[in-house]
Amino acid sequence: MKTFEIDIKGLKRVLPIVKVAEDLKIASFDILGDTELVTYLAPLLAEKLPEIDYIVTAEAKGIPLIHELSKVLNMDKYIVARKSIKPYMQNPLVKKVTSITTQKEQTLCLDGTDAALLNGKSVAIIDDVISTGESMCALEELLEETGANVLAKAALLAEGSAAERTDIIFLEKLPLF
């Protein structure tokens, strides 16, 4: 199996290179279960964020990161947009998105209670990797519907051409293959 070694601010990982489309391979970066990586990088990402009221991510890989970020930033709560409407949700807001890793349409759902909480608040959207930016864009549109003010879009890694963007915050570049 081909691999790619990445050094993110002094922390090294060897990532498997996987085919996600006929003409596209990515270095698969999975933070789920990697406690060392999340606890090491969360403070470094937090340093780059503006002052905000809440951090928001889409289910699922961003969850451990925003959990740790919320601790670093002394926040009592973070918000997760779920991938489906849950029975407990009250008046959920919904957006559709297609990301590079799933290659199919997904749904992002924000509980109406969270949406009301975000109204008029400053937020940062957080993810593990930004590639095409489609997921982040859908989440930003969802947050705009709540009346939130998105001050930052951030990730641990920017993949491919996303690394050239000036509207995102990230710690390291990740190539496409």
N, C-alpha and C. Protein backbone atom coordinates (compact mmCIF):
# COMPACT_ATOMS: atom_id res chain seq x y z
N MET A 1 0.84 -1.18 0.00
CA MET A 1 0.00 0.00 0.00
C MET A 1 0.89 1.24 0.00
N LYS A 2 0.52 2.21 -0.84
CA LYS A 2 1.26 3.47 -0.88
C LYS A 2 0.80 4.34 0.28
N THR A 3 1.76 5.10 0.82
CA THR A 3 1.47 5.97 1.96
C THR A 3 2.06 7.35 1.73
N PHE A 4 1.63 8.28 2.55
CA PHE A 4 2.14 9.64 2.54
C PHE A 4 2.42 10.03 3.99
N GLU A 5 3.64 10.50 4.25
CA GLU A 5 3.96 10.95 5.61
C GLU A 5 3.76 12.45 5.70
N ILE A 6 3.00 12.84 6.72
CA ILE A 6 2.74 14.26 6.94
C ILE A 6 3.29 14.66 8.31
N ASP A 7 3.81 15.86 8.37
CA ASP A 7 4.28 16.45 9.62
C ASP A 7 3.42 17.68 9.87
N ILE A 8 2.57 17.58 10.90
CA ILE A 8 1.68 18.69 11.24
C ILE A 8 2.21 19.34 12.51
N LYS A 9 2.92 20.43 12.34
CA LYS A 9 3.46 21.18 13.48
C LYS A 9 4.24 20.28 14.44
N GLY A 10 5.04 19.37 13.88
CA GLY A 10 5.89 18.52 14.70
C GLY A 10 5.31 17.16 15.03
N LEU A 11 4.08 16.91 14.68
CA LEU A 11 3.45 15.60 14.92
C LEU A 11 3.35 14.87 13.59
N LYS A 12 3.95 13.70 13.50
CA LYS A 12 3.99 12.96 12.23
C LYS A 12 2.97 11.84 12.21
N ARG A 13 2.41 11.66 11.02
CA ARG A 13 1.49 10.56 10.77
C ARG A 13 1.79 10.00 9.38
N VAL A 14 1.61 8.68 9.22
CA VAL A 14 1.74 8.02 7.93
C VAL A 14 0.32 7.69 7.48
N LEU A 15 -0.08 8.28 6.36
CA LEU A 15 -1.46 8.15 5.87
C LEU A 15 -1.52 7.23 4.66
N PRO A 16 -2.48 6.31 4.64
CA PRO A 16 -2.64 5.48 3.44
C PRO A 16 -3.20 6.32 2.29
N ILE A 17 -2.72 6.07 1.09
CA ILE A 17 -3.24 6.75 -0.09
C ILE A 17 -4.35 5.87 -0.67
N VAL A 18 -5.56 6.44 -0.76
CA VAL A 18 -6.72 5.67 -1.20
C VAL A 18 -7.40 6.34 -2.40
N LYS A 19 -7.93 5.51 -3.26
CA LYS A 19 -8.64 5.99 -4.45
C LYS A 19 -10.07 6.36 -4.06
N VAL A 20 -10.47 7.59 -4.36
CA VAL A 20 -11.83 8.03 -4.05
C VAL A 20 -12.65 8.30 -5.32
N ALA A 21 -11.97 8.35 -6.46
CA ALA A 21 -12.64 8.51 -7.76
C ALA A 21 -11.70 7.93 -8.81
N GLU A 22 -12.19 7.79 -10.02
CA GLU A 22 -11.40 7.19 -11.10
C GLU A 22 -10.05 7.87 -11.29
N ASP A 23 -10.05 9.18 -11.16
CA ASP A 23 -8.81 9.94 -11.39
C ASP A 23 -8.32 10.70 -10.16
N LEU A 24 -8.70 10.23 -8.96
CA LEU A 24 -8.34 10.95 -7.75
C LEU A 24 -8.04 10.01 -6.59
N LYS A 25 -6.88 10.25 -5.96
CA LYS A 25 -6.51 9.55 -4.75
C LYS A 25 -6.21 10.60 -3.68
N ILE A 26 -6.51 10.23 -2.43
CA ILE A 26 -6.23 11.13 -1.31
C ILE A 26 -5.40 10.39 -0.26
N ALA A 27 -4.69 11.15 0.53
CA ALA A 27 -4.04 10.59 1.72
C ALA A 27 -5.10 10.62 2.81
N SER A 28 -5.54 9.45 3.23
CA SER A 28 -6.66 9.33 4.16
C SER A 28 -6.27 9.74 5.57
N PHE A 29 -6.81 10.87 6.00
CA PHE A 29 -6.52 11.45 7.30
C PHE A 29 -7.73 11.24 8.20
N ASP A 30 -7.58 10.41 9.22
CA ASP A 30 -8.71 10.07 10.10
C ASP A 30 -8.34 10.38 11.54
N ILE A 31 -8.97 11.41 12.11
CA ILE A 31 -8.65 11.79 13.48
C ILE A 31 -9.44 11.02 14.52
N LEU A 32 -10.46 10.27 14.08
CA LEU A 32 -11.28 9.54 15.04
C LEU A 32 -10.43 8.51 15.78
N GLY A 33 -10.38 8.63 17.07
CA GLY A 33 -9.61 7.71 17.90
C GLY A 33 -8.17 8.12 18.13
N ASP A 34 -7.71 9.18 17.47
CA ASP A 34 -6.32 9.61 17.61
C ASP A 34 -6.24 10.73 18.66
N THR A 35 -6.29 10.33 19.91
CA THR A 35 -6.29 11.27 21.03
C THR A 35 -5.06 12.16 21.02
N GLU A 36 -3.90 11.57 20.77
CA GLU A 36 -2.66 12.34 20.77
C GLU A 36 -2.73 13.48 19.75
N LEU A 37 -3.17 13.18 18.55
CA LEU A 37 -3.24 14.17 17.48
C LEU A 37 -4.22 15.29 17.85
N VAL A 38 -5.41 14.93 18.29
CA VAL A 38 -6.43 15.94 18.61
C VAL A 38 -5.99 16.84 19.76
N THR A 39 -5.44 16.26 20.83
CA THR A 39 -5.05 17.08 21.97
C THR A 39 -3.81 17.92 21.68
N TYR A 40 -2.95 17.47 20.78
CA TYR A 40 -1.76 18.23 20.40
C TYR A 40 -2.11 19.39 19.47
N LEU A 41 -3.00 19.13 18.50
CA LEU A 41 -3.29 20.15 17.47
C LEU A 41 -4.39 21.14 17.85
N ALA A 42 -5.32 20.77 18.70
CA ALA A 42 -6.42 21.68 19.06
C ALA A 42 -5.91 23.01 19.61
N PRO A 43 -4.96 23.05 20.53
CA PRO A 43 -4.47 24.34 21.01
C PRO A 43 -3.80 25.18 19.91
N LEU A 44 -3.14 24.50 18.98
CA LEU A 44 -2.48 25.22 17.89
C LEU A 44 -3.49 25.86 16.95
N LEU A 45 -4.60 25.15 16.70
CA LEU A 45 -5.67 25.71 15.87
C LEU A 45 -6.39 26.83 16.63
N ALA A 46 -6.60 26.63 17.92
CA ALA A 46 -7.29 27.63 18.75
C ALA A 46 -6.56 28.97 18.71
N GLU A 47 -5.24 28.95 18.68
CA GLU A 47 -4.44 30.17 18.63
C GLU A 47 -4.74 31.01 17.39
N LYS A 48 -5.18 30.37 16.32
CA LYS A 48 -5.42 31.06 15.05
C LYS A 48 -6.84 31.58 14.92
N LEU A 49 -7.72 31.19 15.83
CA LEU A 49 -9.13 31.59 15.72
C LEU A 49 -9.37 32.98 16.31
N PRO A 50 -10.30 33.73 15.70
CA PRO A 50 -10.69 35.01 16.30
C PRO A 50 -11.55 34.73 17.55
N GLU A 51 -11.89 35.77 18.26
CA GLU A 51 -12.77 35.60 19.42
C GLU A 51 -14.17 35.26 18.91
N ILE A 52 -14.71 34.16 19.41
CA ILE A 52 -16.01 33.65 18.95
C ILE A 52 -16.85 33.20 20.14
N ASP A 53 -18.16 33.07 19.88
CA ASP A 53 -19.07 32.57 20.92
C ASP A 53 -19.22 31.06 20.87
N TYR A 54 -19.22 30.50 19.65
CA TYR A 54 -19.44 29.06 19.49
C TYR A 54 -18.57 28.50 18.35
N ILE A 55 -18.29 27.21 18.45
CA ILE A 55 -17.68 26.49 17.35
C ILE A 55 -18.68 25.45 16.88
N VAL A 56 -18.68 25.22 15.56
CA VAL A 56 -19.65 24.34 14.93
C VAL A 56 -18.93 23.41 13.97
N THR A 57 -19.36 22.16 13.90
CA THR A 57 -18.83 21.21 12.93
C THR A 57 -19.96 20.37 12.38
N ALA A 58 -19.65 19.66 11.30
CA ALA A 58 -20.57 18.68 10.74
C ALA A 58 -20.17 17.31 11.28
N GLU A 59 -21.15 16.49 11.55
CA GLU A 59 -20.91 15.12 11.99
C GLU A 59 -20.08 14.40 10.92
N ALA A 60 -19.02 13.68 11.18
CA ALA A 60 -18.63 13.09 12.43
C ALA A 60 -17.17 13.36 12.77
N LYS A 61 -16.28 13.45 11.77
CA LYS A 61 -14.86 13.53 12.10
C LYS A 61 -14.46 14.80 12.84
N GLY A 62 -15.20 15.87 12.69
CA GLY A 62 -14.86 17.10 13.38
C GLY A 62 -15.22 17.09 14.87
N ILE A 63 -16.01 16.14 15.30
CA ILE A 63 -16.51 16.13 16.68
C ILE A 63 -15.39 16.04 17.72
N PRO A 64 -14.45 15.10 17.62
CA PRO A 64 -13.42 15.08 18.66
C PRO A 64 -12.58 16.36 18.67
N LEU A 65 -12.39 16.96 17.51
CA LEU A 65 -11.62 18.19 17.42
C LEU A 65 -12.34 19.34 18.11
N ILE A 66 -13.64 19.53 17.85
CA ILE A 66 -14.31 20.65 18.50
C ILE A 66 -14.55 20.39 19.98
N HIS A 67 -14.62 19.12 20.35
CA HIS A 67 -14.72 18.81 21.79
C HIS A 67 -13.46 19.33 22.49
N GLU A 68 -12.30 19.01 21.93
CA GLU A 68 -11.03 19.45 22.52
C GLU A 68 -10.87 20.96 22.39
N LEU A 69 -11.25 21.52 21.25
CA LEU A 69 -11.18 22.98 21.07
C LEU A 69 -12.04 23.71 22.10
N SER A 70 -13.23 23.17 22.37
CA SER A 70 -14.11 23.83 23.35
C SER A 70 -13.47 23.83 24.73
N LYS A 71 -12.72 22.79 25.06
CA LYS A 71 -12.00 22.77 26.34
C LYS A 71 -10.89 23.83 26.35
N VAL A 72 -10.12 23.89 25.26
CA VAL A 72 -9.02 24.85 25.15
C VAL A 72 -9.55 26.28 25.22
N LEU A 73 -10.70 26.53 24.59
CA LEU A 73 -11.29 27.87 24.52
C LEU A 73 -12.21 28.20 25.70
N ASN A 74 -12.30 27.28 26.66
CA ASN A 74 -13.17 27.46 27.84
C ASN A 74 -14.64 27.67 27.46
N MET A 75 -15.11 26.90 26.50
CA MET A 75 -16.51 26.99 26.08
C MET A 75 -17.30 25.88 26.75
N ASP A 76 -18.53 26.21 27.16
CA ASP A 76 -19.39 25.22 27.80
C ASP A 76 -20.13 24.35 26.80
N LYS A 77 -20.18 24.80 25.54
CA LYS A 77 -20.99 24.09 24.55
C LYS A 77 -20.40 24.27 23.16
N TYR A 78 -20.55 23.23 22.35
CA TYR A 78 -20.25 23.31 20.92
C TYR A 78 -21.45 22.74 20.17
N ILE A 79 -21.51 23.04 18.88
CA ILE A 79 -22.68 22.66 18.08
C ILE A 79 -22.26 21.68 16.98
N VAL A 80 -23.05 20.62 16.79
CA VAL A 80 -22.80 19.63 15.75
C VAL A 80 -24.01 19.57 14.82
N ALA A 81 -23.76 19.81 13.53
CA ALA A 81 -24.81 19.60 12.52
C ALA A 81 -24.80 18.10 12.21
N ARG A 82 -25.94 17.47 12.39
CA ARG A 82 -26.05 16.03 12.21
C ARG A 82 -26.28 15.67 10.75
N LYS A 83 -26.11 14.39 10.40
CA LYS A 83 -26.27 13.93 9.02
C LYS A 83 -27.68 13.47 8.70
N SER A 84 -28.53 13.47 9.70
CA SER A 84 -29.94 13.14 9.46
C SER A 84 -30.78 13.81 10.54
N ILE A 85 -32.05 13.98 10.25
CA ILE A 85 -32.96 14.56 11.23
C ILE A 85 -33.21 13.51 12.30
N LYS A 86 -33.03 13.89 13.55
CA LYS A 86 -33.25 13.00 14.68
C LYS A 86 -34.61 13.28 15.30
N PRO A 87 -35.25 12.27 15.88
CA PRO A 87 -36.58 12.47 16.45
C PRO A 87 -36.66 13.56 17.51
N TYR A 88 -35.58 13.80 18.23
CA TYR A 88 -35.59 14.81 19.29
C TYR A 88 -35.46 16.24 18.77
N MET A 89 -35.12 16.41 17.49
CA MET A 89 -34.90 17.75 16.95
C MET A 89 -36.20 18.52 16.82
N GLN A 90 -36.14 19.79 17.21
CA GLN A 90 -37.29 20.68 17.10
C GLN A 90 -37.04 21.67 15.97
N ASN A 91 -37.90 21.68 14.98
CA ASN A 91 -37.80 22.60 13.85
C ASN A 91 -36.40 22.63 13.25
N PRO A 92 -35.88 21.47 12.80
CA PRO A 92 -34.51 21.44 12.28
C PRO A 92 -34.35 22.22 10.98
N LEU A 93 -33.15 22.79 10.81
CA LEU A 93 -32.77 23.42 9.54
C LEU A 93 -31.98 22.37 8.77
N VAL A 94 -32.18 22.28 7.45
CA VAL A 94 -31.58 21.21 6.65
C VAL A 94 -30.93 21.76 5.38
N LYS A 95 -29.74 21.25 5.06
CA LYS A 95 -29.02 21.56 3.81
C LYS A 95 -28.48 20.27 3.23
N LYS A 96 -28.38 20.21 1.90
CA LYS A 96 -27.79 19.06 1.20
C LYS A 96 -26.38 19.43 0.74
N VAL A 97 -25.47 18.43 0.75
CA VAL A 97 -24.09 18.66 0.35
C VAL A 97 -23.48 17.37 -0.19
N THR A 98 -22.53 17.51 -1.11
CA THR A 98 -21.74 16.37 -1.60
C THR A 98 -20.28 16.67 -1.32
N SER A 99 -19.61 15.77 -0.59
CA SER A 99 -18.20 15.99 -0.26
C SER A 99 -17.32 15.03 -1.04
N ILE A 100 -16.02 15.34 -1.08
CA ILE A 100 -15.06 14.55 -1.84
C ILE A 100 -14.90 13.13 -1.28
N THR A 101 -15.05 12.98 0.04
CA THR A 101 -14.83 11.67 0.64
C THR A 101 -16.04 10.76 0.58
N THR A 102 -17.25 11.33 0.59
CA THR A 102 -18.44 10.48 0.53
C THR A 102 -18.92 10.26 -0.90
N GLN A 103 -18.67 11.24 -1.78
CA GLN A 103 -19.03 11.16 -3.20
C GLN A 103 -20.53 10.94 -3.43
N LYS A 104 -21.34 11.26 -2.44
CA LYS A 104 -22.79 11.19 -2.62
C LYS A 104 -23.43 12.30 -1.81
N GLU A 105 -24.67 12.59 -2.13
CA GLU A 105 -25.35 13.67 -1.43
C GLU A 105 -25.58 13.30 0.03
N GLN A 106 -25.28 14.26 0.90
CA GLN A 106 -25.52 14.09 2.32
C GLN A 106 -26.42 15.21 2.81
N THR A 107 -26.99 14.99 3.97
CA THR A 107 -27.85 15.99 4.58
C THR A 107 -27.16 16.53 5.83
N LEU A 108 -27.22 17.83 6.03
CA LEU A 108 -26.76 18.44 7.27
C LEU A 108 -27.98 19.02 7.97
N CYS A 109 -28.16 18.65 9.23
CA CYS A 109 -29.33 19.08 9.99
C CYS A 109 -28.91 19.75 11.28
N LEU A 110 -29.48 20.89 11.54
CA LEU A 110 -29.20 21.63 12.76
C LEU A 110 -30.48 21.72 13.56
N ASP A 111 -30.42 21.27 14.80
CA ASP A 111 -31.58 21.33 15.68
C ASP A 111 -32.03 22.78 15.83
N GLY A 112 -33.32 23.01 15.79
CA GLY A 112 -33.87 24.35 15.92
C GLY A 112 -33.47 25.04 17.22
N THR A 113 -33.29 24.24 18.28
CA THR A 113 -32.85 24.80 19.56
C THR A 113 -31.45 25.38 19.43
N ASP A 114 -30.54 24.65 18.74
CA ASP A 114 -29.19 25.15 18.50
C ASP A 114 -29.23 26.36 17.58
N ALA A 115 -30.10 26.30 16.58
CA ALA A 115 -30.22 27.42 15.63
C ALA A 115 -30.60 28.70 16.37
N ALA A 116 -31.53 28.60 17.30
CA ALA A 116 -31.96 29.77 18.07
C ALA A 116 -30.81 30.29 18.95
N LEU A 117 -30.03 29.38 19.49
CA LEU A 117 -28.89 29.74 20.33
C LEU A 117 -27.84 30.51 19.54
N LEU A 118 -27.68 30.18 18.26
CA LEU A 118 -26.65 30.78 17.42
C LEU A 118 -27.04 32.14 16.85
N ASN A 119 -28.31 32.48 16.90
CA ASN A 119 -28.79 33.74 16.34
C ASN A 119 -28.05 34.94 16.95
N GLY A 120 -27.37 35.69 16.07
CA GLY A 120 -26.65 36.87 16.50
C GLY A 120 -25.29 36.60 17.12
N LYS A 121 -24.88 35.35 17.17
CA LYS A 121 -23.60 34.99 17.79
C LYS A 121 -22.50 34.87 16.75
N SER A 122 -21.26 35.04 17.22
CA SER A 122 -20.08 34.86 16.37
C SER A 122 -19.63 33.41 16.46
N VAL A 123 -19.41 32.79 15.29
CA VAL A 123 -19.06 31.38 15.27
C VAL A 123 -17.88 31.09 14.35
N ALA A 124 -17.23 29.97 14.61
CA ALA A 124 -16.20 29.42 13.73
C ALA A 124 -16.67 28.04 13.31
N ILE A 125 -16.56 27.77 12.01
CA ILE A 125 -16.86 26.43 11.49
C ILE A 125 -15.54 25.67 11.50
N ILE A 126 -15.56 24.48 12.07
CA ILE A 126 -14.36 23.67 12.22
C ILE A 126 -14.54 22.33 11.52
N ASP A 127 -13.48 21.86 10.86
CA ASP A 127 -13.50 20.53 10.26
C ASP A 127 -12.10 19.93 10.37
N ASP A 128 -11.99 18.65 10.07
CA ASP A 128 -10.67 18.02 10.12
C ASP A 128 -9.87 18.39 8.88
N VAL A 129 -10.50 18.30 7.70
CA VAL A 129 -9.85 18.61 6.42
C VAL A 129 -10.80 19.42 5.56
N ILE A 130 -10.27 20.45 4.91
CA ILE A 130 -11.04 21.18 3.90
C ILE A 130 -10.44 20.80 2.56
N SER A 131 -11.29 20.29 1.66
CA SER A 131 -10.81 19.92 0.32
C SER A 131 -11.53 20.77 -0.72
N THR A 132 -12.68 20.33 -1.16
CA THR A 132 -13.44 21.14 -2.12
C THR A 132 -14.13 22.31 -1.44
N GLY A 133 -14.36 22.17 -0.14
CA GLY A 133 -15.05 23.22 0.60
C GLY A 133 -16.56 23.11 0.55
N GLU A 134 -17.08 22.09 -0.12
CA GLU A 134 -18.53 21.95 -0.26
C GLU A 134 -19.23 21.77 1.08
N SER A 135 -18.66 20.93 1.94
CA SER A 135 -19.27 20.70 3.25
C SER A 135 -19.28 21.98 4.07
N MET A 136 -18.16 22.69 4.04
CA MET A 136 -18.05 23.93 4.81
C MET A 136 -19.01 24.98 4.26
N CYS A 137 -19.15 25.04 2.95
CA CYS A 137 -20.06 26.00 2.32
C CYS A 137 -21.51 25.72 2.73
N ALA A 138 -21.89 24.45 2.72
CA ALA A 138 -23.25 24.08 3.11
C ALA A 138 -23.49 24.41 4.58
N LEU A 139 -22.50 24.15 5.41
CA LEU A 139 -22.64 24.46 6.83
C LEU A 139 -22.71 25.98 7.04
N GLU A 140 -21.93 26.73 6.28
CA GLU A 140 -21.98 28.19 6.38
C GLU A 140 -23.37 28.71 5.97
N GLU A 141 -23.94 28.16 4.91
CA GLU A 141 -25.29 28.56 4.49
C GLU A 141 -26.31 28.23 5.57
N LEU A 142 -26.16 27.07 6.17
CA LEU A 142 -27.05 26.65 7.25
C LEU A 142 -26.95 27.63 8.43
N LEU A 143 -25.73 28.01 8.77
CA LEU A 143 -25.53 28.94 9.89
C LEU A 143 -26.04 30.34 9.57
N GLU A 144 -25.94 30.76 8.32
CA GLU A 144 -26.49 32.06 7.93
C GLU A 144 -28.00 32.10 8.15
N GLU A 145 -28.66 30.96 7.92
CA GLU A 145 -30.11 30.88 8.17
C GLU A 145 -30.45 31.08 9.64
N THR A 146 -29.51 30.77 10.53
CA THR A 146 -29.75 30.93 11.97
C THR A 146 -29.56 32.37 12.42
N GLY A 147 -28.90 33.17 11.59
CA GLY A 147 -28.56 34.53 11.98
C GLY A 147 -27.20 34.61 12.64
N ALA A 148 -26.44 33.52 12.60
CA ALA A 148 -25.09 33.52 13.16
C ALA A 148 -24.15 34.30 12.25
N ASN A 149 -23.09 34.83 12.83
CA ASN A 149 -22.07 35.54 12.09
C ASN A 149 -20.83 34.65 12.03
N VAL A 150 -20.55 34.08 10.85
CA VAL A 150 -19.41 33.18 10.70
C VAL A 150 -18.15 34.03 10.55
N LEU A 151 -17.30 33.99 11.59
CA LEU A 151 -16.07 34.78 11.59
C LEU A 151 -14.87 34.00 11.07
N ALA A 152 -14.95 32.66 11.12
CA ALA A 152 -13.81 31.86 10.68
C ALA A 152 -14.27 30.49 10.20
N LYS A 153 -13.50 29.98 9.22
CA LYS A 153 -13.65 28.61 8.74
C LYS A 153 -12.27 27.99 8.89
N ALA A 154 -12.18 26.92 9.67
CA ALA A 154 -10.87 26.38 10.01
C ALA A 154 -10.85 24.86 9.98
N ALA A 155 -9.65 24.32 9.72
CA ALA A 155 -9.44 22.88 9.72
C ALA A 155 -8.00 22.59 10.09
N LEU A 156 -7.73 21.35 10.42
CA LEU A 156 -6.35 20.96 10.66
C LEU A 156 -5.56 20.99 9.37
N LEU A 157 -6.18 20.48 8.28
CA LEU A 157 -5.50 20.38 7.00
C LEU A 157 -6.32 21.00 5.87
N ALA A 158 -5.61 21.56 4.89
CA ALA A 158 -6.23 22.03 3.65
C ALA A 158 -5.69 21.13 2.54
N GLU A 159 -6.59 20.50 1.83
CA GLU A 159 -6.22 19.49 0.83
C GLU A 159 -6.31 20.06 -0.58
N GLY A 160 -5.27 19.75 -1.39
CA GLY A 160 -5.26 20.18 -2.78
C GLY A 160 -5.30 21.69 -2.90
N SER A 161 -6.15 22.19 -3.80
CA SER A 161 -6.21 23.63 -4.06
C SER A 161 -6.78 24.44 -2.90
N ALA A 162 -7.41 23.77 -1.95
CA ALA A 162 -7.92 24.50 -0.77
C ALA A 162 -6.79 25.20 -0.03
N ALA A 163 -5.58 24.66 -0.13
CA ALA A 163 -4.42 25.25 0.54
C ALA A 163 -4.07 26.63 -0.02
N GLU A 164 -4.62 26.97 -1.19
CA GLU A 164 -4.36 28.29 -1.79
C GLU A 164 -5.41 29.32 -1.38
N ARG A 165 -6.45 28.89 -0.72
CA ARG A 165 -7.53 29.80 -0.33
C ARG A 165 -7.05 30.74 0.78
N THR A 166 -7.57 31.95 0.76
CA THR A 166 -7.22 32.93 1.79
C THR A 166 -8.33 33.12 2.81
N ASP A 167 -9.46 32.45 2.60
CA ASP A 167 -10.60 32.62 3.50
C ASP A 167 -10.71 31.51 4.54
N ILE A 168 -9.71 30.65 4.63
CA ILE A 168 -9.75 29.56 5.60
C ILE A 168 -8.48 29.57 6.45
N ILE A 169 -8.61 28.98 7.63
CA ILE A 169 -7.49 28.83 8.56
C ILE A 169 -7.15 27.34 8.59
N PHE A 170 -5.86 27.02 8.50
CA PHE A 170 -5.46 25.61 8.59
C PHE A 170 -4.03 25.52 9.09
N LEU A 171 -3.65 24.33 9.54
CA LEU A 171 -2.32 24.13 10.09
C LEU A 171 -1.30 23.60 9.09
N GLU A 172 -1.77 22.80 8.12
CA GLU A 172 -0.83 22.18 7.18
C GLU A 172 -1.54 21.85 5.87
N LYS A 173 -0.76 21.77 4.79
CA LYS A 173 -1.28 21.39 3.47
C LYS A 173 -1.23 19.86 3.31
N LEU A 174 -2.21 19.34 2.57
CA LEU A 174 -2.27 17.92 2.24
C LEU A 174 -2.47 17.80 0.73
N PRO A 175 -1.55 17.13 0.04
CA PRO A 175 -1.68 17.05 -1.42
C PRO A 175 -2.76 16.04 -1.85
N LEU A 176 -3.22 16.22 -3.08
CA LEU A 176 -4.07 15.23 -3.74
C LEU A 176 -3.17 14.42 -4.66
N PHE A 177 -3.58 13.20 -4.97
CA PHE A 177 -2.76 12.32 -5.81
C PHE A 177 -3.55 11.85 -7.03
